[in-house]
Amino acid sequence: MAFTSYKAERHPETNELSALQKAEWYLQGRENVYYISFTSCSLFLELLPQIKDIVASLKEL
């Protein structure tokens, strides 16, 4: 998993500066490589553990 931070953006409701966080996964399947990206502001970073669990549970059909 790669985890990166981007330049500060203005929050649409509060107009405060907030940095975007981006988590990326590359998953190797049987015949394909899958790319999953999750980007959020600091308000939704509490969802990151749930997103990690979902990504870890993915299976190729």
PDB file of N, CA and C in Angstrom:
ATOM      1  N   MET A   1       0.844  -1.170   0.000  1.00  0.00           N
ATOM      2  CA  MET A   1       0.000   0.000   0.000  1.00  0.00           C
ATOM      3  C   MET A   1       0.888   1.231   0.000  1.00  0.00           C
ATOM      4  N   ALA A   2       0.562   2.164  -0.836  1.00  0.00           N
ATOM      5  CA  ALA A   2       1.245   3.459  -0.864  1.00  0.00           C
ATOM      6  C   ALA A   2       0.322   4.486  -0.228  1.00  0.00           C
ATOM      7  N   PHE A   3       0.888   5.374   0.554  1.00  0.00           N
ATOM      8  CA  PHE A   3       0.086   6.393   1.232  1.00  0.00           C
ATOM      9  C   PHE A   3       0.757   7.731   0.990  1.00  0.00           C
ATOM     10  N   THR A   4       0.071   8.649   0.316  1.00  0.00           N
ATOM     11  CA  THR A   4       0.664   9.934  -0.032  1.00  0.00           C
ATOM     12  C   THR A   4      -0.227  11.076   0.418  1.00  0.00           C
ATOM     13  N   SER A   5       0.352  12.244   0.514  1.00  0.00           N
ATOM     14  CA  SER A   5      -0.372  13.444   0.926  1.00  0.00           C
ATOM     15  C   SER A   5      -0.215  14.497  -0.163  1.00  0.00           C
ATOM     16  N   TYR A   6      -1.265  15.233  -0.425  1.00  0.00           N
ATOM     17  CA  TYR A   6      -1.251  16.244  -1.467  1.00  0.00           C
ATOM     18  C   TYR A   6      -1.343  17.635  -0.866  1.00  0.00           C
ATOM     19  N   LYS A   7      -1.187  18.640  -1.711  1.00  0.00           N
ATOM     20  CA  LYS A   7      -1.217  20.016  -1.227  1.00  0.00           C
ATOM     21  C   LYS A   7      -2.564  20.333  -0.591  1.00  0.00           C
ATOM     22  N   ALA A   8      -2.560  21.326   0.251  1.00  0.00           N
ATOM     23  CA  ALA A   8      -3.773  21.706   0.967  1.00  0.00           C
ATOM     24  C   ALA A   8      -4.818  22.257   0.002  1.00  0.00           C
ATOM     25  N   GLU A   9      -6.055  21.883   0.239  1.00  0.00           N
ATOM     26  CA  GLU A   9      -7.204  22.360  -0.527  1.00  0.00           C
ATOM     27  C   GLU A   9      -8.164  23.025   0.449  1.00  0.00           C
ATOM     28  N   ARG A  10      -8.999  23.896  -0.063  1.00  0.00           N
ATOM     29  CA  ARG A  10     -10.022  24.526   0.775  1.00  0.00           C
ATOM     30  C   ARG A  10     -11.208  23.578   0.943  1.00  0.00           C
ATOM     31  N   HIS A  11     -11.636  23.394   2.181  1.00  0.00           N
ATOM     32  CA  HIS A  11     -12.808  22.579   2.456  1.00  0.00           C
ATOM     33  C   HIS A  11     -14.028  23.306   1.901  1.00  0.00           C
ATOM     34  N   PRO A  12     -14.926  22.618   1.180  1.00  0.00           N
ATOM     35  CA  PRO A  12     -16.043  23.307   0.533  1.00  0.00           C
ATOM     36  C   PRO A  12     -17.032  23.962   1.493  1.00  0.00           C
ATOM     37  N   GLU A  13     -17.179  23.433   2.698  1.00  0.00           N
ATOM     38  CA  GLU A  13     -18.159  23.986   3.630  1.00  0.00           C
ATOM     39  C   GLU A  13     -17.550  24.988   4.604  1.00  0.00           C
ATOM     40  N   THR A  14     -16.360  24.688   5.127  1.00  0.00           N
ATOM     41  CA  THR A  14     -15.765  25.554   6.148  1.00  0.00           C
ATOM     42  C   THR A  14     -14.741  26.521   5.582  1.00  0.00           C
ATOM     43  N   ASN A  15     -14.306  26.298   4.351  1.00  0.00           N
ATOM     44  CA  ASN A  15     -13.290  27.110   3.685  1.00  0.00           C
ATOM     45  C   ASN A  15     -11.927  27.035   4.380  1.00  0.00           C
ATOM     46  N   GLU A  16     -11.737  26.038   5.259  1.00  0.00           N
ATOM     47  CA  GLU A  16     -10.450  25.838   5.915  1.00  0.00           C
ATOM     48  C   GLU A  16      -9.559  24.987   5.012  1.00  0.00           C
ATOM     49  N   LEU A  17      -8.255  25.175   5.165  1.00  0.00           N
ATOM     50  CA  LEU A  17      -7.317  24.370   4.390  1.00  0.00           C
ATOM     51  C   LEU A  17      -7.248  22.953   4.948  1.00  0.00           C
ATOM     52  N   SER A  18      -7.276  21.988   4.077  1.00  0.00           N
ATOM     53  CA  SER A  18      -7.113  20.601   4.506  1.00  0.00           C
ATOM     54  C   SER A  18      -6.358  19.851   3.419  1.00  0.00           C
ATOM     55  N   ALA A  19      -5.485  18.963   3.828  1.00  0.00           N
ATOM     56  CA  ALA A  19      -4.692  18.188   2.872  1.00  0.00           C
ATOM     57  C   ALA A  19      -5.443  16.915   2.505  1.00  0.00           C
ATOM     58  N   LEU A  20      -5.356  16.536   1.262  1.00  0.00           N
ATOM     59  CA  LEU A  20      -5.948  15.278   0.820  1.00  0.00           C
ATOM     60  C   LEU A  20      -4.970  14.145   1.093  1.00  0.00           C
ATOM     61  N   GLN A  21      -5.499  13.026   1.530  1.00  0.00           N
ATOM     62  CA  GLN A  21      -4.707  11.822   1.751  1.00  0.00           C
ATOM     63  C   GLN A  21      -5.141  10.786   0.729  1.00  0.00           C
ATOM     64  N   LYS A  22      -4.190  10.071   0.191  1.00  0.00           N
ATOM     65  CA  LYS A  22      -4.500   9.072  -0.829  1.00  0.00           C
ATOM     66  C   LYS A  22      -3.803   7.766  -0.484  1.00  0.00           C
ATOM     67  N   ALA A  23      -4.572   6.691  -0.458  1.00  0.00           N
ATOM     68  CA  ALA A  23      -4.018   5.352  -0.252  1.00  0.00           C
ATOM     69  C   ALA A  23      -4.225   4.569  -1.545  1.00  0.00           C
ATOM     70  N   GLU A  24      -3.195   3.846  -1.987  1.00  0.00           N
ATOM     71  CA  GLU A  24      -3.258   3.092  -3.232  1.00  0.00           C
ATOM     72  C   GLU A  24      -2.836   1.649  -2.996  1.00  0.00           C
ATOM     73  N   TRP A  25      -3.524   0.733  -3.651  1.00  0.00           N
ATOM     74  CA  TRP A  25      -3.182  -0.677  -3.585  1.00  0.00           C
ATOM     75  C   TRP A  25      -3.073  -1.227  -4.994  1.00  0.00           C
ATOM     76  N   TYR A  26      -2.104  -2.088  -5.212  1.00  0.00           N
ATOM     77  CA  TYR A  26      -1.982  -2.876  -6.441  1.00  0.00           C
ATOM     78  C   TYR A  26      -2.122  -4.333  -6.025  1.00  0.00           C
ATOM     79  N   LEU A  27      -3.145  -4.995  -6.519  1.00  0.00           N
ATOM     80  CA  LEU A  27      -3.410  -6.380  -6.151  1.00  0.00           C
ATOM     81  C   LEU A  27      -3.165  -7.287  -7.348  1.00  0.00           C
ATOM     82  N   GLN A  28      -2.388  -8.321  -7.143  1.00  0.00           N
ATOM     83  CA  GLN A  28      -2.107  -9.278  -8.209  1.00  0.00           C
ATOM     84  C   GLN A  28      -3.168 -10.356  -8.206  1.00  0.00           C
ATOM     85  N   GLY A  29      -3.877 -10.492  -9.322  1.00  0.00           N
ATOM     86  CA  GLY A  29      -4.839 -11.567  -9.503  1.00  0.00           C
ATOM     87  C   GLY A  29      -4.194 -12.708 -10.262  1.00  0.00           C
ATOM     88  N   ARG A  30      -5.015 -13.643 -10.722  1.00  0.00           N
ATOM     89  CA  ARG A  30      -4.477 -14.769 -11.495  1.00  0.00           C
ATOM     90  C   ARG A  30      -3.934 -14.310 -12.840  1.00  0.00           C
ATOM     91  N   GLU A  31      -4.687 -13.431 -13.507  1.00  0.00           N
ATOM     92  CA  GLU A  31      -4.274 -12.976 -14.835  1.00  0.00           C
ATOM     93  C   GLU A  31      -4.164 -11.459 -14.938  1.00  0.00           C
ATOM     94  N   ASN A  32      -4.609 -10.742 -13.940  1.00  0.00           N
ATOM     95  CA  ASN A  32      -4.650  -9.283 -13.999  1.00  0.00           C
ATOM     96  C   ASN A  32      -4.057  -8.664 -12.741  1.00  0.00           C
ATOM     97  N   VAL A  33      -3.681  -7.409 -12.851  1.00  0.00           N
ATOM     98  CA  VAL A  33      -3.292  -6.606 -11.693  1.00  0.00           C
ATOM     99  C   VAL A  33      -4.392  -5.572 -11.504  1.00  0.00           C
ATOM    100  N   TYR A  34      -4.875  -5.428 -10.278  1.00  0.00           N
ATOM    101  CA  TYR A  34      -5.962  -4.508  -9.983  1.00  0.00           C
ATOM    102  C   TYR A  34      -5.422  -3.325  -9.192  1.00  0.00           C
ATOM    103  N   TYR A  35      -5.898  -2.148  -9.534  1.00  0.00           N
ATOM    104  CA  TYR A  35      -5.474  -0.910  -8.877  1.00  0.00           C
ATOM    105  C   TYR A  35      -6.669  -0.352  -8.121  1.00  0.00           C
ATOM    106  N   ILE A  36      -6.481  -0.090  -6.833  1.00  0.00           N
ATOM    107  CA  ILE A  36      -7.533   0.488  -5.998  1.00  0.00           C
ATOM    108  C   ILE A  36      -6.971   1.741  -5.358  1.00  0.00           C
ATOM    109  N   SER A  37      -7.737   2.817  -5.432  1.00  0.00           N
ATOM    110  CA  SER A  37      -7.299   4.099  -4.893  1.00  0.00           C
ATOM    111  C   SER A  37      -8.388   4.660  -3.989  1.00  0.00           C
ATOM    112  N   PHE A  38      -7.998   5.164  -2.826  1.00  0.00           N
ATOM    113  CA  PHE A  38      -8.924   5.801  -1.889  1.00  0.00           C
ATOM    114  C   PHE A  38      -8.341   7.162  -1.543  1.00  0.00           C
ATOM    115  N   THR A  39      -9.062   8.221  -1.869  1.00  0.00           N
ATOM    116  CA  THR A  39      -8.610   9.584  -1.600  1.00  0.00           C
ATOM    117  C   THR A  39      -9.642  10.276  -0.732  1.00  0.00           C
ATOM    118  N   SER A  40      -9.179  10.964   0.308  1.00  0.00           N
ATOM    119  CA  SER A  40     -10.117  11.671   1.176  1.00  0.00           C
ATOM    120  C   SER A  40      -9.422  12.816   1.888  1.00  0.00           C
ATOM    121  N   CYS A  41     -10.238  13.711   2.387  1.00  0.00           N
ATOM    122  CA  CYS A  41      -9.713  14.759   3.253  1.00  0.00           C
ATOM    123  C   CYS A  41      -9.620  14.181   4.663  1.00  0.00           C
ATOM    124  N   SER A  42      -9.105  14.937   5.579  1.00  0.00           N
ATOM    125  CA  SER A  42      -8.880  14.435   6.938  1.00  0.00           C
ATOM    126  C   SER A  42     -10.182  14.057   7.643  1.00  0.00           C
ATOM    127  N   LEU A  43     -11.324  14.577   7.185  1.00  0.00           N
ATOM    128  CA  LEU A  43     -12.603  14.235   7.813  1.00  0.00           C
ATOM    129  C   LEU A  43     -12.926  12.750   7.706  1.00  0.00           C
ATOM    130  N   PHE A  44     -12.488  12.114   6.626  1.00  0.00           N
ATOM    131  CA  PHE A  44     -12.868  10.734   6.372  1.00  0.00           C
ATOM    132  C   PHE A  44     -11.733   9.743   6.580  1.00  0.00           C
ATOM    133  N   LEU A  45     -10.615  10.184   7.159  1.00  0.00           N
ATOM    134  CA  LEU A  45      -9.496   9.262   7.370  1.00  0.00           C
ATOM    135  C   LEU A  45      -9.829   8.160   8.366  1.00  0.00           C
ATOM    136  N   GLU A  46     -10.849   8.377   9.196  1.00  0.00           N
ATOM    137  CA  GLU A  46     -11.250   7.320  10.122  1.00  0.00           C
ATOM    138  C   GLU A  46     -11.804   6.109   9.369  1.00  0.00           C
ATOM    139  N   LEU A  47     -12.175   6.287   8.103  1.00  0.00           N
ATOM    140  CA  LEU A  47     -12.667   5.174   7.292  1.00  0.00           C
ATOM    141  C   LEU A  47     -11.540   4.321   6.727  1.00  0.00           C
ATOM    142  N   LEU A  48     -10.309   4.805   6.788  1.00  0.00           N
ATOM    143  CA  LEU A  48      -9.192   4.085   6.178  1.00  0.00           C
ATOM    144  C   LEU A  48      -9.028   2.659   6.706  1.00  0.00           C
ATOM    145  N   PRO A  49      -9.137   2.387   8.007  1.00  0.00           N
ATOM    146  CA  PRO A  49      -9.034   0.991   8.461  1.00  0.00           C
ATOM    147  C   PRO A  49     -10.116   0.092   7.853  1.00  0.00           C
ATOM    148  N   GLN A  50     -11.336   0.625   7.693  1.00  0.00           N
ATOM    149  CA  GLN A  50     -12.405  -0.160   7.075  1.00  0.00           C
ATOM    150  C   GLN A  50     -12.098  -0.427   5.601  1.00  0.00           C
ATOM    151  N   ILE A  51     -11.564   0.576   4.915  1.00  0.00           N
ATOM    152  CA  ILE A  51     -11.203   0.412   3.508  1.00  0.00           C
ATOM    153  C   ILE A  51     -10.097  -0.636   3.381  1.00  0.00           C
ATOM    154  N   LYS A  52      -9.110  -0.602   4.282  1.00  0.00           N
ATOM    155  CA  LYS A  52      -8.031  -1.604   4.262  1.00  0.00           C
ATOM    156  C   LYS A  52      -8.599  -3.012   4.419  1.00  0.00           C
ATOM    157  N   ASP A  53      -9.568  -3.175   5.338  1.00  0.00           N
ATOM    158  CA  ASP A  53     -10.186  -4.488   5.546  1.00  0.00           C
ATOM    159  C   ASP A  53     -10.938  -4.955   4.302  1.00  0.00           C
ATOM    160  N   ILE A  54     -11.642  -4.027   3.649  1.00  0.00           N
ATOM    161  CA  ILE A  54     -12.379  -4.376   2.433  1.00  0.00           C
ATOM    162  C   ILE A  54     -11.410  -4.813   1.339  1.00  0.00           C
ATOM    163  N   VAL A  55     -10.337  -4.049   1.163  1.00  0.00           N
ATOM    164  CA  VAL A  55      -9.351  -4.393   0.130  1.00  0.00           C
ATOM    165  C   VAL A  55      -8.716  -5.750   0.428  1.00  0.00           C
ATOM    166  N   ALA A  56      -8.409  -6.002   1.694  1.00  0.00           N
ATOM    167  CA  ALA A  56      -7.785  -7.276   2.066  1.00  0.00           C
ATOM    168  C   ALA A  56      -8.722  -8.460   1.826  1.00  0.00           C
ATOM    169  N   SER A  57     -10.033  -8.218   1.858  1.00  0.00           N
ATOM    170  CA  SER A  57     -10.990  -9.311   1.695  1.00  0.00           C
ATOM    171  C   SER A  57     -11.384  -9.555   0.238  1.00  0.00           C
ATOM    172  N   LEU A  58     -10.910  -8.719  -0.685  1.00  0.00           N
ATOM    173  CA  LEU A  58     -11.287  -8.883  -2.092  1.00  0.00           C
ATOM    174  C   LEU A  58     -10.711 -10.169  -2.668  1.00  0.00           C
ATOM    175  N   LYS A  59     -11.525 -10.823  -3.482  1.00  0.00           N
ATOM    176  CA  LYS A  59     -11.090 -12.041  -4.157  1.00  0.00           C
ATOM    177  C   LYS A  59     -11.469 -11.935  -5.625  1.00  0.00           C
ATOM    178  N   GLU A  60     -10.613 -12.450  -6.468  1.00  0.00           N
ATOM    179  CA  GLU A  60     -10.888 -12.443  -7.902  1.00  0.00           C
ATOM    180  C   GLU A  60     -11.942 -13.501  -8.218  1.00  0.00           C
ATOM    181  N   LEU A  61     -12.927 -13.127  -9.021  1.00  0.00           N
ATOM    182  CA  LEU A  61     -13.994 -14.071  -9.399  1.00  0.00           C
ATOM    183  C   LEU A  61     -13.609 -14.873 -10.614  1.00  0.00           C
TER     184      LEU A  61
END
